[in-house]
mmCIF file of all heavy atoms, coordinates in Angstrom:
data_MODEL
# 
_entry.id   MODEL 
# 
loop_
_atom_site.group_PDB 
_atom_site.id 
_atom_site.type_symbol 
_atom_site.label_atom_id 
_atom_site.label_alt_id 
_atom_site.label_comp_id 
_atom_site.label_asym_id 
_atom_site.label_entity_id 
_atom_site.label_seq_id 
_atom_site.pdbx_PDB_ins_code 
_atom_site.Cartn_x 
_atom_site.Cartn_y 
_atom_site.Cartn_z 
_atom_site.occupancy 
_atom_site.B_iso_or_equiv 
_atom_site.pdbx_formal_charge 
_atom_site.auth_seq_id 
_atom_site.auth_comp_id 
_atom_site.auth_asym_id 
_atom_site.auth_atom_id 
_atom_site.pdbx_PDB_model_num 
ATOM 1   N N   . THR A 1 1  ? 80.829  179.744 123.488 1.00 0.00 ? 1  THR A N   1 
ATOM 2   C CA  . THR A 1 1  ? 79.486  179.908 123.850 1.00 0.00 ? 1  THR A CA  1 
ATOM 3   C C   . THR A 1 1  ? 78.638  178.715 123.376 1.00 0.00 ? 1  THR A C   1 
ATOM 4   O O   . THR A 1 1  ? 77.805  178.209 124.166 1.00 0.00 ? 1  THR A O   1 
ATOM 5   C CB  . THR A 1 1  ? 79.014  181.245 123.171 1.00 0.00 ? 1  THR A CB  1 
ATOM 6   O OG1 . THR A 1 1  ? 79.767  182.332 123.636 1.00 0.00 ? 1  THR A OG1 1 
ATOM 7   C CG2 . THR A 1 1  ? 77.511  181.456 123.564 1.00 0.00 ? 1  THR A CG2 1 
ATOM 8   N N   . TYR A 1 2  ? 78.905  178.280 122.054 1.00 0.00 ? 2  TYR A N   1 
ATOM 9   C CA  . TYR A 1 2  ? 78.054  177.118 121.515 1.00 0.00 ? 2  TYR A CA  1 
ATOM 10  C C   . TYR A 1 2  ? 78.797  175.861 121.637 1.00 0.00 ? 2  TYR A C   1 
ATOM 11  O O   . TYR A 1 2  ? 78.072  174.839 121.256 1.00 0.00 ? 2  TYR A O   1 
ATOM 12  C CB  . TYR A 1 2  ? 77.713  177.503 119.988 1.00 0.00 ? 2  TYR A CB  1 
ATOM 13  C CG  . TYR A 1 2  ? 76.865  178.750 119.807 1.00 0.00 ? 2  TYR A CG  1 
ATOM 14  C CD1 . TYR A 1 2  ? 77.327  179.905 119.386 1.00 0.00 ? 2  TYR A CD1 1 
ATOM 15  C CD2 . TYR A 1 2  ? 75.551  178.648 120.212 1.00 0.00 ? 2  TYR A CD2 1 
ATOM 16  C CE1 . TYR A 1 2  ? 76.542  180.975 119.144 1.00 0.00 ? 2  TYR A CE1 1 
ATOM 17  C CE2 . TYR A 1 2  ? 74.699  179.714 120.036 1.00 0.00 ? 2  TYR A CE2 1 
ATOM 18  C CZ  . TYR A 1 2  ? 75.226  180.952 119.578 1.00 0.00 ? 2  TYR A CZ  1 
ATOM 19  O OH  . TYR A 1 2  ? 74.398  182.071 119.318 1.00 0.00 ? 2  TYR A OH  1 
ATOM 20  N N   . GLY A 1 3  ? 80.012  175.801 121.964 1.00 0.00 ? 3  GLY A N   1 
ATOM 21  C CA  . GLY A 1 3  ? 80.740  174.584 122.140 1.00 0.00 ? 3  GLY A CA  1 
ATOM 22  C C   . GLY A 1 3  ? 81.007  173.873 120.901 1.00 0.00 ? 3  GLY A C   1 
ATOM 23  O O   . GLY A 1 3  ? 81.131  172.644 120.820 1.00 0.00 ? 3  GLY A O   1 
ATOM 24  N N   . ILE A 1 4  ? 81.283  174.635 119.766 1.00 0.00 ? 4  ILE A N   1 
ATOM 25  C CA  . ILE A 1 4  ? 81.617  174.162 118.424 1.00 0.00 ? 4  ILE A CA  1 
ATOM 26  C C   . ILE A 1 4  ? 82.762  174.753 117.838 1.00 0.00 ? 4  ILE A C   1 
ATOM 27  O O   . ILE A 1 4  ? 83.135  175.884 118.106 1.00 0.00 ? 4  ILE A O   1 
ATOM 28  C CB  . ILE A 1 4  ? 80.430  174.139 117.536 1.00 0.00 ? 4  ILE A CB  1 
ATOM 29  C CG1 . ILE A 1 4  ? 80.004  175.692 117.230 1.00 0.00 ? 4  ILE A CG1 1 
ATOM 30  C CG2 . ILE A 1 4  ? 79.218  173.403 118.043 1.00 0.00 ? 4  ILE A CG2 1 
ATOM 31  C CD1 . ILE A 1 4  ? 78.915  175.805 116.121 1.00 0.00 ? 4  ILE A CD1 1 
ATOM 32  N N   . THR A 1 5  ? 83.417  174.024 116.961 1.00 0.00 ? 5  THR A N   1 
ATOM 33  C CA  . THR A 1 5  ? 84.534  174.580 116.066 1.00 0.00 ? 5  THR A CA  1 
ATOM 34  C C   . THR A 1 5  ? 83.987  175.168 114.819 1.00 0.00 ? 5  THR A C   1 
ATOM 35  O O   . THR A 1 5  ? 83.185  174.420 114.120 1.00 0.00 ? 5  THR A O   1 
ATOM 36  C CB  . THR A 1 5  ? 85.542  173.511 115.779 1.00 0.00 ? 5  THR A CB  1 
ATOM 37  O OG1 . THR A 1 5  ? 86.065  172.904 116.979 1.00 0.00 ? 5  THR A OG1 1 
ATOM 38  C CG2 . THR A 1 5  ? 86.665  174.076 115.025 1.00 0.00 ? 5  THR A CG2 1 
ATOM 39  N N   . LEU A 1 6  ? 84.281  176.447 114.676 1.00 0.00 ? 6  LEU A N   1 
ATOM 40  C CA  . LEU A 1 6  ? 83.756  177.180 113.458 1.00 0.00 ? 6  LEU A CA  1 
ATOM 41  C C   . LEU A 1 6  ? 84.565  177.044 112.179 1.00 0.00 ? 6  LEU A C   1 
ATOM 42  O O   . LEU A 1 6  ? 84.043  176.928 111.187 1.00 0.00 ? 6  LEU A O   1 
ATOM 43  C CB  . LEU A 1 6  ? 83.604  178.590 113.889 1.00 0.00 ? 6  LEU A CB  1 
ATOM 44  C CG  . LEU A 1 6  ? 82.878  178.984 115.087 1.00 0.00 ? 6  LEU A CG  1 
ATOM 45  C CD1 . LEU A 1 6  ? 82.902  180.469 115.335 1.00 0.00 ? 6  LEU A CD1 1 
ATOM 46  C CD2 . LEU A 1 6  ? 81.432  178.481 114.980 1.00 0.00 ? 6  LEU A CD2 1 
ATOM 47  N N   . SER A 1 7  ? 85.949  176.935 112.379 1.00 0.00 ? 7  SER A N   1 
ATOM 48  C CA  . SER A 1 7  ? 86.750  176.782 111.254 1.00 0.00 ? 7  SER A CA  1 
ATOM 49  C C   . SER A 1 7  ? 88.224  176.396 111.682 1.00 0.00 ? 7  SER A C   1 
ATOM 50  O O   . SER A 1 7  ? 88.507  176.464 112.891 1.00 0.00 ? 7  SER A O   1 
ATOM 51  C CB  . SER A 1 7  ? 86.799  178.121 110.424 1.00 0.00 ? 7  SER A CB  1 
ATOM 52  O OG  . SER A 1 7  ? 87.527  177.945 109.185 1.00 0.00 ? 7  SER A OG  1 
ATOM 53  N N   . GLN A 1 8  ? 88.957  175.932 110.754 1.00 0.00 ? 8  GLN A N   1 
ATOM 54  C CA  . GLN A 1 8  ? 90.333  175.652 111.075 1.00 0.00 ? 8  GLN A CA  1 
ATOM 55  C C   . GLN A 1 8  ? 91.282  175.741 109.888 1.00 0.00 ? 8  GLN A C   1 
ATOM 56  O O   . GLN A 1 8  ? 90.851  175.809 108.713 1.00 0.00 ? 8  GLN A O   1 
ATOM 57  C CB  . GLN A 1 8  ? 90.464  174.157 111.562 1.00 0.00 ? 8  GLN A CB  1 
ATOM 58  C CG  . GLN A 1 8  ? 90.348  173.097 110.474 1.00 0.00 ? 8  GLN A CG  1 
ATOM 59  C CD  . GLN A 1 8  ? 90.767  171.695 110.903 1.00 0.00 ? 8  GLN A CD  1 
ATOM 60  O OE1 . GLN A 1 8  ? 90.358  171.337 112.041 1.00 0.00 ? 8  GLN A OE1 1 
ATOM 61  N NE2 . GLN A 1 8  ? 91.514  170.968 110.063 1.00 0.00 ? 8  GLN A NE2 1 
ATOM 62  N N   . ARG A 1 9  ? 92.576  175.861 110.135 1.00 0.00 ? 9  ARG A N   1 
ATOM 63  C CA  . ARG A 1 9  ? 93.615  176.045 109.055 1.00 0.00 ? 9  ARG A CA  1 
ATOM 64  C C   . ARG A 1 9  ? 94.852  175.197 109.575 1.00 0.00 ? 9  ARG A C   1 
ATOM 65  O O   . ARG A 1 9  ? 95.037  175.024 110.706 1.00 0.00 ? 9  ARG A O   1 
ATOM 66  C CB  . ARG A 1 9  ? 94.005  177.392 108.775 1.00 0.00 ? 9  ARG A CB  1 
ATOM 67  C CG  . ARG A 1 9  ? 92.880  178.309 108.176 1.00 0.00 ? 9  ARG A CG  1 
ATOM 68  C CD  . ARG A 1 9  ? 92.711  177.928 106.696 1.00 0.00 ? 9  ARG A CD  1 
ATOM 69  N NE  . ARG A 1 9  ? 91.788  178.955 106.078 1.00 0.00 ? 9  ARG A NE  1 
ATOM 70  C CZ  . ARG A 1 9  ? 90.423  178.968 106.153 1.00 0.00 ? 9  ARG A CZ  1 
ATOM 71  N NH1 . ARG A 1 9  ? 89.741  178.085 106.952 1.00 0.00 ? 9  ARG A NH1 1 
ATOM 72  N NH2 . ARG A 1 9  ? 89.718  179.874 105.597 1.00 0.00 ? 9  ARG A NH2 1 
ATOM 73  N N   . THR A 1 10 ? 95.698  174.859 108.614 1.00 0.00 ? 10 THR A N   1 
ATOM 74  C CA  . THR A 1 10 ? 96.961  174.084 108.962 1.00 0.00 ? 10 THR A CA  1 
ATOM 75  C C   . THR A 1 10 ? 98.106  175.051 108.778 1.00 0.00 ? 10 THR A C   1 
ATOM 76  O O   . THR A 1 10 ? 98.285  175.785 107.699 1.00 0.00 ? 10 THR A O   1 
ATOM 77  C CB  . THR A 1 10 ? 97.118  172.892 108.109 1.00 0.00 ? 10 THR A CB  1 
ATOM 78  O OG1 . THR A 1 10 ? 95.850  172.121 108.208 1.00 0.00 ? 10 THR A OG1 1 
ATOM 79  C CG2 . THR A 1 10 ? 98.277  172.064 108.415 1.00 0.00 ? 10 THR A CG2 1 
ATOM 80  N N   . VAL A 1 11 ? 99.035  175.009 109.718 1.00 0.00 ? 11 VAL A N   1 
ATOM 81  C CA  . VAL A 1 11 ? 100.291 175.778 109.589 1.00 0.00 ? 11 VAL A CA  1 
ATOM 82  C C   . VAL A 1 11 ? 101.501 174.898 109.965 1.00 0.00 ? 11 VAL A C   1 
ATOM 83  O O   . VAL A 1 11 ? 101.346 173.962 110.749 1.00 0.00 ? 11 VAL A O   1 
ATOM 84  C CB  . VAL A 1 11 ? 100.280 177.048 110.502 1.00 0.00 ? 11 VAL A CB  1 
ATOM 85  C CG1 . VAL A 1 11 ? 99.203  178.048 110.093 1.00 0.00 ? 11 VAL A CG1 1 
ATOM 86  C CG2 . VAL A 1 11 ? 100.034 176.681 111.937 1.00 0.00 ? 11 VAL A CG2 1 
ATOM 87  N N   . ASP A 1 12 ? 102.760 175.269 109.368 1.00 0.00 ? 12 ASP A N   1 
ATOM 88  C CA  . ASP A 1 12 ? 103.898 174.552 109.714 1.00 0.00 ? 12 ASP A CA  1 
ATOM 89  C C   . ASP A 1 12 ? 104.677 174.930 110.919 1.00 0.00 ? 12 ASP A C   1 
ATOM 90  O O   . ASP A 1 12 ? 105.429 174.281 111.497 1.00 0.00 ? 12 ASP A O   1 
ATOM 91  C CB  . ASP A 1 12 ? 104.829 174.557 108.483 1.00 0.00 ? 12 ASP A CB  1 
ATOM 92  C CG  . ASP A 1 12 ? 104.203 173.806 107.330 1.00 0.00 ? 12 ASP A CG  1 
ATOM 93  O OD1 . ASP A 1 12 ? 103.616 172.748 107.542 1.00 0.00 ? 12 ASP A OD1 1 
ATOM 94  O OD2 . ASP A 1 12 ? 104.376 174.185 106.136 1.00 0.00 ? 12 ASP A OD2 1 
ATOM 95  N N   . LYS A 1 13 ? 104.425 176.243 111.273 1.00 0.00 ? 13 LYS A N   1 
ATOM 96  C CA  . LYS A 1 13 ? 105.180 176.882 112.367 1.00 0.00 ? 13 LYS A CA  1 
ATOM 97  C C   . LYS A 1 13 ? 104.172 177.657 113.200 1.00 0.00 ? 13 LYS A C   1 
ATOM 98  O O   . LYS A 1 13 ? 103.232 178.276 112.777 1.00 0.00 ? 13 LYS A O   1 
ATOM 99  C CB  . LYS A 1 13 ? 106.351 177.825 111.776 1.00 0.00 ? 13 LYS A CB  1 
ATOM 100 C CG  . LYS A 1 13 ? 107.345 177.100 111.084 1.00 0.00 ? 13 LYS A CG  1 
ATOM 101 C CD  . LYS A 1 13 ? 108.421 178.030 110.591 1.00 0.00 ? 13 LYS A CD  1 
ATOM 102 C CE  . LYS A 1 13 ? 109.538 177.280 109.754 1.00 0.00 ? 13 LYS A CE  1 
ATOM 103 N NZ  . LYS A 1 13 ? 110.633 178.234 109.429 1.00 0.00 ? 13 LYS A NZ  1 
ATOM 104 N N   . LYS A 1 14 ? 104.578 177.740 114.535 1.00 0.00 ? 14 LYS A N   1 
ATOM 105 C CA  . LYS A 1 14 ? 103.699 178.368 115.504 1.00 0.00 ? 14 LYS A CA  1 
ATOM 106 C C   . LYS A 1 14 ? 103.526 179.853 115.304 1.00 0.00 ? 14 LYS A C   1 
ATOM 107 O O   . LYS A 1 14 ? 102.450 180.413 115.363 1.00 0.00 ? 14 LYS A O   1 
ATOM 108 C CB  . LYS A 1 14 ? 104.284 178.134 116.929 1.00 0.00 ? 14 LYS A CB  1 
ATOM 109 C CG  . LYS A 1 14 ? 103.522 178.721 118.033 1.00 0.00 ? 14 LYS A CG  1 
ATOM 110 C CD  . LYS A 1 14 ? 102.399 177.760 118.355 1.00 0.00 ? 14 LYS A CD  1 
ATOM 111 C CE  . LYS A 1 14 ? 101.715 178.241 119.659 1.00 0.00 ? 14 LYS A CE  1 
ATOM 112 N NZ  . LYS A 1 14 ? 100.511 177.527 119.978 1.00 0.00 ? 14 LYS A NZ  1 
ATOM 113 N N   . ASN A 1 15 ? 104.567 180.537 114.782 1.00 0.00 ? 15 ASN A N   1 
ATOM 114 C CA  . ASN A 1 15 ? 104.456 181.925 114.601 1.00 0.00 ? 15 ASN A CA  1 
ATOM 115 C C   . ASN A 1 15 ? 103.817 182.271 113.319 1.00 0.00 ? 15 ASN A C   1 
ATOM 116 O O   . ASN A 1 15 ? 103.754 183.501 112.955 1.00 0.00 ? 15 ASN A O   1 
ATOM 117 C CB  . ASN A 1 15 ? 105.936 182.644 114.520 1.00 0.00 ? 15 ASN A CB  1 
ATOM 118 C CG  . ASN A 1 15 ? 106.815 181.946 113.531 1.00 0.00 ? 15 ASN A CG  1 
ATOM 119 O OD1 . ASN A 1 15 ? 106.449 181.169 112.756 1.00 0.00 ? 15 ASN A OD1 1 
ATOM 120 N ND2 . ASN A 1 15 ? 107.983 182.379 113.496 1.00 0.00 ? 15 ASN A ND2 1 
ATOM 121 N N   . HIS A 1 16 ? 103.230 181.374 112.585 1.00 0.00 ? 16 HIS A N   1 
ATOM 122 C CA  . HIS A 1 16 ? 102.455 181.626 111.407 1.00 0.00 ? 16 HIS A CA  1 
ATOM 123 C C   . HIS A 1 16 ? 100.983 181.613 111.716 1.00 0.00 ? 16 HIS A C   1 
ATOM 124 O O   . HIS A 1 16 ? 100.130 181.764 110.831 1.00 0.00 ? 16 HIS A O   1 
ATOM 125 C CB  . HIS A 1 16 ? 102.655 180.684 110.253 1.00 0.00 ? 16 HIS A CB  1 
ATOM 126 C CG  . HIS A 1 16 ? 104.061 180.826 109.779 1.00 0.00 ? 16 HIS A CG  1 
ATOM 127 N ND1 . HIS A 1 16 ? 104.680 179.952 108.755 1.00 0.00 ? 16 HIS A ND1 1 
ATOM 128 C CD2 . HIS A 1 16 ? 104.988 181.743 109.854 1.00 0.00 ? 16 HIS A CD2 1 
ATOM 129 C CE1 . HIS A 1 16 ? 105.754 180.332 108.492 1.00 0.00 ? 16 HIS A CE1 1 
ATOM 130 N NE2 . HIS A 1 16 ? 106.040 181.426 109.063 1.00 0.00 ? 16 HIS A NE2 1 
ATOM 131 N N   . GLU A 1 17 ? 100.544 181.460 112.975 1.00 0.00 ? 17 GLU A N   1 
ATOM 132 C CA  . GLU A 1 17 ? 99.218  181.340 113.422 1.00 0.00 ? 17 GLU A CA  1 
ATOM 133 C C   . GLU A 1 17 ? 98.416  182.649 113.041 1.00 0.00 ? 17 GLU A C   1 
ATOM 134 O O   . GLU A 1 17 ? 97.231  182.561 112.681 1.00 0.00 ? 17 GLU A O   1 
ATOM 135 C CB  . GLU A 1 17 ? 99.024  181.037 114.881 1.00 0.00 ? 17 GLU A CB  1 
ATOM 136 C CG  . GLU A 1 17 ? 99.311  179.576 115.175 1.00 0.00 ? 17 GLU A CG  1 
ATOM 137 C CD  . GLU A 1 17 ? 99.071  179.274 116.626 1.00 0.00 ? 17 GLU A CD  1 
ATOM 138 O OE1 . GLU A 1 17 ? 98.446  180.186 117.328 1.00 0.00 ? 17 GLU A OE1 1 
ATOM 139 O OE2 . GLU A 1 17 ? 99.553  178.274 117.109 1.00 0.00 ? 17 GLU A OE2 1 
ATOM 140 N N   . ALA A 1 18 ? 99.083  183.856 113.272 1.00 0.00 ? 18 ALA A N   1 
ATOM 141 C CA  . ALA A 1 18 ? 98.384  185.042 113.076 1.00 0.00 ? 18 ALA A CA  1 
ATOM 142 C C   . ALA A 1 18 ? 97.792  185.210 111.621 1.00 0.00 ? 18 ALA A C   1 
ATOM 143 O O   . ALA A 1 18 ? 96.646  185.728 111.414 1.00 0.00 ? 18 ALA A O   1 
ATOM 144 C CB  . ALA A 1 18 ? 99.238  186.179 113.476 1.00 0.00 ? 18 ALA A CB  1 
ATOM 145 N N   . GLU A 1 19 ? 98.617  184.704 110.591 1.00 0.00 ? 19 GLU A N   1 
ATOM 146 C CA  . GLU A 1 19 ? 98.164  184.886 109.231 1.00 0.00 ? 19 GLU A CA  1 
ATOM 147 C C   . GLU A 1 19 ? 96.937  184.066 109.011 1.00 0.00 ? 19 GLU A C   1 
ATOM 148 O O   . GLU A 1 19 ? 95.935  184.550 108.321 1.00 0.00 ? 19 GLU A O   1 
ATOM 149 C CB  . GLU A 1 19 ? 99.232  184.546 108.288 1.00 0.00 ? 19 GLU A CB  1 
ATOM 150 C CG  . GLU A 1 19 ? 100.463 185.550 108.276 1.00 0.00 ? 19 GLU A CG  1 
ATOM 151 C CD  . GLU A 1 19 ? 101.292 185.594 109.455 1.00 0.00 ? 19 GLU A CD  1 
ATOM 152 O OE1 . GLU A 1 19 ? 101.279 184.651 110.285 1.00 0.00 ? 19 GLU A OE1 1 
ATOM 153 O OE2 . GLU A 1 19 ? 102.018 186.598 109.614 1.00 0.00 ? 19 GLU A OE2 1 
ATOM 154 N N   . VAL A 1 20 ? 96.831  182.867 109.450 1.00 0.00 ? 20 VAL A N   1 
ATOM 155 C CA  . VAL A 1 20 ? 95.657  182.035 109.184 1.00 0.00 ? 20 VAL A CA  1 
ATOM 156 C C   . VAL A 1 20 ? 94.470  182.492 110.000 1.00 0.00 ? 20 VAL A C   1 
ATOM 157 O O   . VAL A 1 20 ? 93.273  182.371 109.610 1.00 0.00 ? 20 VAL A O   1 
ATOM 158 C CB  . VAL A 1 20 ? 95.973  180.541 109.430 1.00 0.00 ? 20 VAL A CB  1 
ATOM 159 C CG1 . VAL A 1 20 ? 96.994  180.087 108.542 1.00 0.00 ? 20 VAL A CG1 1 
ATOM 160 C CG2 . VAL A 1 20 ? 96.432  180.258 110.885 1.00 0.00 ? 20 VAL A CG2 1 
ATOM 161 N N   . ILE A 1 21 ? 94.707  183.024 111.167 1.00 0.00 ? 21 ILE A N   1 
ATOM 162 C CA  . ILE A 1 21 ? 93.678  183.616 111.987 1.00 0.00 ? 21 ILE A CA  1 
ATOM 163 C C   . ILE A 1 21 ? 93.038  184.778 111.185 1.00 0.00 ? 21 ILE A C   1 
ATOM 164 O O   . ILE A 1 21 ? 91.719  184.849 111.108 1.00 0.00 ? 21 ILE A O   1 
ATOM 165 C CB  . ILE A 1 21 ? 94.155  184.146 113.280 1.00 0.00 ? 21 ILE A CB  1 
ATOM 166 C CG1 . ILE A 1 21 ? 94.405  183.023 114.234 1.00 0.00 ? 21 ILE A CG1 1 
ATOM 167 C CG2 . ILE A 1 21 ? 93.103  184.987 113.999 1.00 0.00 ? 21 ILE A CG2 1 
ATOM 168 C CD1 . ILE A 1 21 ? 95.045  183.388 115.597 1.00 0.00 ? 21 ILE A CD1 1 
ATOM 169 N N   . LEU A 1 22 ? 93.773  185.603 110.484 1.00 0.00 ? 22 LEU A N   1 
ATOM 170 C CA  . LEU A 1 22 ? 93.206  186.571 109.566 1.00 0.00 ? 22 LEU A CA  1 
ATOM 171 C C   . LEU A 1 22 ? 92.343  186.050 108.488 1.00 0.00 ? 22 LEU A C   1 
ATOM 172 O O   . LEU A 1 22 ? 91.245  186.595 108.197 1.00 0.00 ? 22 LEU A O   1 
ATOM 173 C CB  . LEU A 1 22 ? 94.297  187.449 108.981 1.00 0.00 ? 22 LEU A CB  1 
ATOM 174 C CG  . LEU A 1 22 ? 95.103  188.416 109.909 1.00 0.00 ? 22 LEU A CG  1 
ATOM 175 C CD1 . LEU A 1 22 ? 96.286  189.103 109.079 1.00 0.00 ? 22 LEU A CD1 1 
ATOM 176 C CD2 . LEU A 1 22 ? 94.170  189.319 110.604 1.00 0.00 ? 22 LEU A CD2 1 
ATOM 177 N N   . ASP A 1 23 ? 92.839  184.830 107.910 1.00 0.00 ? 23 ASP A N   1 
ATOM 178 C CA  . ASP A 1 23 ? 92.001  184.310 106.810 1.00 0.00 ? 23 ASP A CA  1 
ATOM 179 C C   . ASP A 1 23 ? 90.676  183.832 107.416 1.00 0.00 ? 23 ASP A C   1 
ATOM 180 O O   . ASP A 1 23 ? 89.607  184.049 106.726 1.00 0.00 ? 23 ASP A O   1 
ATOM 181 C CB  . ASP A 1 23 ? 92.717  183.140 106.217 1.00 0.00 ? 23 ASP A CB  1 
ATOM 182 C CG  . ASP A 1 23 ? 93.952  183.512 105.468 1.00 0.00 ? 23 ASP A CG  1 
ATOM 183 O OD1 . ASP A 1 23 ? 93.957  184.744 105.051 1.00 0.00 ? 23 ASP A OD1 1 
ATOM 184 O OD2 . ASP A 1 23 ? 94.881  182.629 105.306 1.00 0.00 ? 23 ASP A OD2 1 
ATOM 185 N N   . MET A 1 24 ? 90.618  183.231 108.499 1.00 0.00 ? 24 MET A N   1 
ATOM 186 C CA  . MET A 1 24 ? 89.291  182.684 109.044 1.00 0.00 ? 24 MET A CA  1 
ATOM 187 C C   . MET A 1 24 ? 88.433  183.859 109.543 1.00 0.00 ? 24 MET A C   1 
ATOM 188 O O   . MET A 1 24 ? 87.265  183.784 109.418 1.00 0.00 ? 24 MET A O   1 
ATOM 189 C CB  . MET A 1 24 ? 89.711  181.779 110.267 1.00 0.00 ? 24 MET A CB  1 
ATOM 190 C CG  . MET A 1 24 ? 90.326  180.518 109.873 1.00 0.00 ? 24 MET A CG  1 
ATOM 191 S SD  . MET A 1 24 ? 90.458  179.296 111.190 1.00 0.00 ? 24 MET A SD  1 
ATOM 192 C CE  . MET A 1 24 ? 91.811  179.885 112.107 1.00 0.00 ? 24 MET A CE  1 
ATOM 193 N N   . ILE A 1 25 ? 89.014  184.964 110.114 1.00 0.00 ? 25 ILE A N   1 
ATOM 194 C CA  . ILE A 1 25 ? 88.158  186.108 110.422 1.00 0.00 ? 25 ILE A CA  1 
ATOM 195 C C   . ILE A 1 25 ? 87.478  186.618 109.215 1.00 0.00 ? 25 ILE A C   1 
ATOM 196 O O   . ILE A 1 25 ? 86.360  186.962 109.239 1.00 0.00 ? 25 ILE A O   1 
ATOM 197 C CB  . ILE A 1 25 ? 89.133  187.231 111.122 1.00 0.00 ? 25 ILE A CB  1 
ATOM 198 C CG1 . ILE A 1 25 ? 89.540  186.748 112.464 1.00 0.00 ? 25 ILE A CG1 1 
ATOM 199 C CG2 . ILE A 1 25 ? 88.300  188.501 111.102 1.00 0.00 ? 25 ILE A CG2 1 
ATOM 200 C CD1 . ILE A 1 25 ? 90.471  187.673 113.056 1.00 0.00 ? 25 ILE A CD1 1 
# 
């Protein structure tokens, strides 16, 4: 909607994305 990045995290493996999404939420 606003065209901006709100936050980010770094992961070593693709299947670990869900955990860092929880942290950002």
